[in-house]
Amino acid sequence: MGASSVGSAGYGLIGMRERVAPHGGTLTVGPQADGGFAVVADLPLTTDEAARQPSSTNGVVGY
């Protein structure tokens, strides 16, 4: 996948930041000490949404 395949389709880091911001969230990205790269989106939950989260996940959803 070359540079020409990366366009302004909104799927990159800027696009992710633009999608998180209107919802009151933040996006943190950057290299990690172990050599990896992290992308973390923090999105606020309403009281109702938080009440529906399983207590074991502490509101964190990941893969």
N, C-alpha and C. Protein backbone atom coordinates (compact mmCIF):
# COMPACT_ATOMS: atom_id res chain seq x y z
N MET A 1 0.86 -1.18 0.00
CA MET A 1 0.00 0.00 0.00
C MET A 1 0.90 1.23 0.00
N GLY A 2 0.91 1.97 -1.07
CA GLY A 2 1.77 3.14 -1.18
C GLY A 2 1.11 4.40 -0.70
N ALA A 3 1.87 5.48 -0.74
CA ALA A 3 1.36 6.77 -0.27
C ALA A 3 0.16 7.24 -1.07
N SER A 4 0.08 6.83 -2.34
CA SER A 4 -1.04 7.28 -3.16
C SER A 4 -2.37 6.68 -2.70
N SER A 5 -2.31 5.57 -1.96
CA SER A 5 -3.55 4.96 -1.49
C SER A 5 -4.07 5.62 -0.22
N VAL A 6 -3.27 6.49 0.37
CA VAL A 6 -3.69 7.20 1.58
C VAL A 6 -4.25 8.54 1.15
N GLY A 7 -5.54 8.68 1.23
CA GLY A 7 -6.18 9.91 0.79
C GLY A 7 -6.85 10.62 1.93
N SER A 8 -7.78 11.46 1.60
CA SER A 8 -8.51 12.22 2.62
C SER A 8 -9.86 11.59 2.90
N ALA A 9 -9.90 10.26 2.88
CA ALA A 9 -11.15 9.55 3.09
C ALA A 9 -11.62 9.59 4.54
N GLY A 10 -10.79 10.13 5.45
CA GLY A 10 -11.20 10.26 6.83
C GLY A 10 -10.96 9.04 7.69
N TYR A 11 -10.10 8.12 7.24
CA TYR A 11 -9.85 6.91 8.00
C TYR A 11 -8.55 6.95 8.78
N GLY A 12 -7.77 7.98 8.62
CA GLY A 12 -6.50 8.09 9.32
C GLY A 12 -6.67 8.67 10.72
N LEU A 13 -5.55 9.00 11.33
CA LEU A 13 -5.57 9.53 12.69
C LEU A 13 -6.35 10.84 12.78
N ILE A 14 -6.21 11.69 11.79
CA ILE A 14 -6.96 12.96 11.80
C ILE A 14 -8.45 12.68 11.71
N GLY A 15 -8.84 11.75 10.85
CA GLY A 15 -10.25 11.38 10.72
C GLY A 15 -10.81 10.81 12.01
N MET A 16 -10.00 9.99 12.69
CA MET A 16 -10.45 9.44 13.97
C MET A 16 -10.64 10.55 14.99
N ARG A 17 -9.69 11.48 15.04
CA ARG A 17 -9.78 12.60 15.99
C ARG A 17 -11.03 13.45 15.68
N GLU A 18 -11.32 13.66 14.40
CA GLU A 18 -12.50 14.44 14.01
C GLU A 18 -13.80 13.74 14.41
N ARG A 19 -13.80 12.43 14.45
CA ARG A 19 -15.00 11.68 14.83
C ARG A 19 -15.20 11.61 16.34
N VAL A 20 -14.11 11.62 17.09
CA VAL A 20 -14.18 11.53 18.55
C VAL A 20 -14.57 12.88 19.17
N ALA A 21 -14.03 13.96 18.64
CA ALA A 21 -14.22 15.29 19.24
C ALA A 21 -15.67 15.72 19.40
N PRO A 22 -16.55 15.56 18.41
CA PRO A 22 -17.93 16.02 18.59
C PRO A 22 -18.69 15.31 19.71
N HIS A 23 -18.17 14.17 20.15
CA HIS A 23 -18.82 13.41 21.20
C HIS A 23 -18.20 13.69 22.57
N GLY A 24 -17.32 14.68 22.63
CA GLY A 24 -16.68 15.04 23.89
C GLY A 24 -15.53 14.14 24.28
N GLY A 25 -15.02 13.38 23.33
CA GLY A 25 -13.95 12.45 23.62
C GLY A 25 -12.59 12.98 23.21
N THR A 26 -11.58 12.18 23.50
CA THR A 26 -10.22 12.52 23.12
C THR A 26 -9.58 11.31 22.44
N LEU A 27 -8.61 11.60 21.58
CA LEU A 27 -7.85 10.56 20.91
C LEU A 27 -6.39 10.78 21.23
N THR A 28 -5.74 9.74 21.75
CA THR A 28 -4.32 9.81 22.07
C THR A 28 -3.61 8.78 21.21
N VAL A 29 -2.59 9.23 20.50
CA VAL A 29 -1.84 8.33 19.62
C VAL A 29 -0.35 8.54 19.81
N GLY A 30 0.42 7.51 19.56
CA GLY A 30 1.86 7.68 19.58
C GLY A 30 2.61 6.39 19.80
N PRO A 31 3.93 6.47 19.58
CA PRO A 31 4.77 5.29 19.77
C PRO A 31 4.85 4.90 21.24
N GLN A 32 5.03 3.63 21.48
CA GLN A 32 5.14 3.10 22.84
C GLN A 32 6.58 2.69 23.12
N ALA A 33 6.93 2.63 24.38
CA ALA A 33 8.29 2.30 24.80
C ALA A 33 8.73 0.93 24.28
N ASP A 34 7.76 0.00 24.12
CA ASP A 34 8.11 -1.35 23.66
C ASP A 34 8.24 -1.46 22.15
N GLY A 35 8.12 -0.34 21.46
CA GLY A 35 8.25 -0.34 20.01
C GLY A 35 6.92 -0.38 19.28
N GLY A 36 5.83 -0.56 19.98
CA GLY A 36 4.51 -0.57 19.36
C GLY A 36 3.98 0.84 19.16
N PHE A 37 2.77 0.94 18.71
CA PHE A 37 2.10 2.22 18.48
C PHE A 37 0.69 2.11 19.05
N ALA A 38 0.30 3.06 19.87
CA ALA A 38 -1.01 3.00 20.53
C ALA A 38 -1.97 4.03 19.94
N VAL A 39 -3.22 3.63 19.81
CA VAL A 39 -4.31 4.52 19.44
C VAL A 39 -5.39 4.30 20.49
N VAL A 40 -5.67 5.33 21.29
CA VAL A 40 -6.63 5.21 22.39
C VAL A 40 -7.69 6.29 22.25
N ALA A 41 -8.94 5.88 22.11
CA ALA A 41 -10.06 6.82 22.07
C ALA A 41 -10.80 6.74 23.39
N ASP A 42 -10.92 7.87 24.06
CA ASP A 42 -11.70 7.97 25.30
C ASP A 42 -12.99 8.70 24.98
N LEU A 43 -14.11 8.02 25.19
CA LEU A 43 -15.42 8.61 24.92
C LEU A 43 -16.25 8.59 26.20
N PRO A 44 -16.85 9.71 26.54
CA PRO A 44 -17.67 9.73 27.75
C PRO A 44 -18.96 8.94 27.55
N LEU A 45 -19.43 8.34 28.62
CA LEU A 45 -20.69 7.62 28.61
C LEU A 45 -21.73 8.41 29.38
N THR A 46 -22.97 8.31 28.96
CA THR A 46 -24.05 8.88 29.75
C THR A 46 -24.24 7.99 30.98
N THR A 47 -24.96 8.45 31.95
CA THR A 47 -25.23 7.66 33.14
C THR A 47 -25.90 6.34 32.78
N ASP A 48 -26.86 6.38 31.84
CA ASP A 48 -27.56 5.17 31.40
C ASP A 48 -26.60 4.20 30.72
N GLU A 49 -25.73 4.70 29.87
CA GLU A 49 -24.77 3.83 29.18
C GLU A 49 -23.80 3.20 30.18
N ALA A 50 -23.34 3.99 31.13
CA ALA A 50 -22.40 3.48 32.14
C ALA A 50 -23.05 2.39 32.98
N ALA A 51 -24.33 2.54 33.28
CA ALA A 51 -25.04 1.55 34.10
C ALA A 51 -25.18 0.22 33.36
N ARG A 52 -25.18 0.25 32.03
CA ARG A 52 -25.32 -0.98 31.24
C ARG A 52 -24.00 -1.70 31.02
N GLN A 53 -22.86 -1.08 31.37
CA GLN A 53 -21.55 -1.70 31.18
C GLN A 53 -21.32 -2.80 32.21
N PRO A 54 -20.77 -3.92 31.78
CA PRO A 54 -20.43 -4.97 32.77
C PRO A 54 -19.39 -4.42 33.74
N SER A 55 -19.56 -4.67 35.01
CA SER A 55 -18.66 -4.12 36.02
C SER A 55 -17.24 -4.64 35.85
N SER A 56 -17.07 -5.82 35.28
CA SER A 56 -15.73 -6.40 35.15
C SER A 56 -14.87 -5.67 34.12
N THR A 57 -15.48 -4.92 33.19
CA THR A 57 -14.69 -4.23 32.19
C THR A 57 -14.32 -2.82 32.61
N ASN A 58 -14.94 -2.31 33.68
CA ASN A 58 -14.68 -0.95 34.13
C ASN A 58 -14.92 0.06 33.02
N GLY A 59 -15.83 -0.25 32.09
CA GLY A 59 -16.14 0.66 31.01
C GLY A 59 -15.16 0.63 29.86
N VAL A 60 -14.17 -0.25 29.89
CA VAL A 60 -13.15 -0.32 28.85
C VAL A 60 -13.52 -1.41 27.86
N VAL A 61 -13.52 -1.04 26.60
CA VAL A 61 -13.78 -2.01 25.54
C VAL A 61 -12.54 -2.06 24.66
N GLY A 62 -12.00 -3.21 24.43
CA GLY A 62 -10.79 -3.31 23.62
C GLY A 62 -10.70 -4.64 22.92
N TYR A 63 -9.73 -4.74 22.04
CA TYR A 63 -9.52 -5.96 21.27
C TYR A 63 -8.08 -6.38 21.42
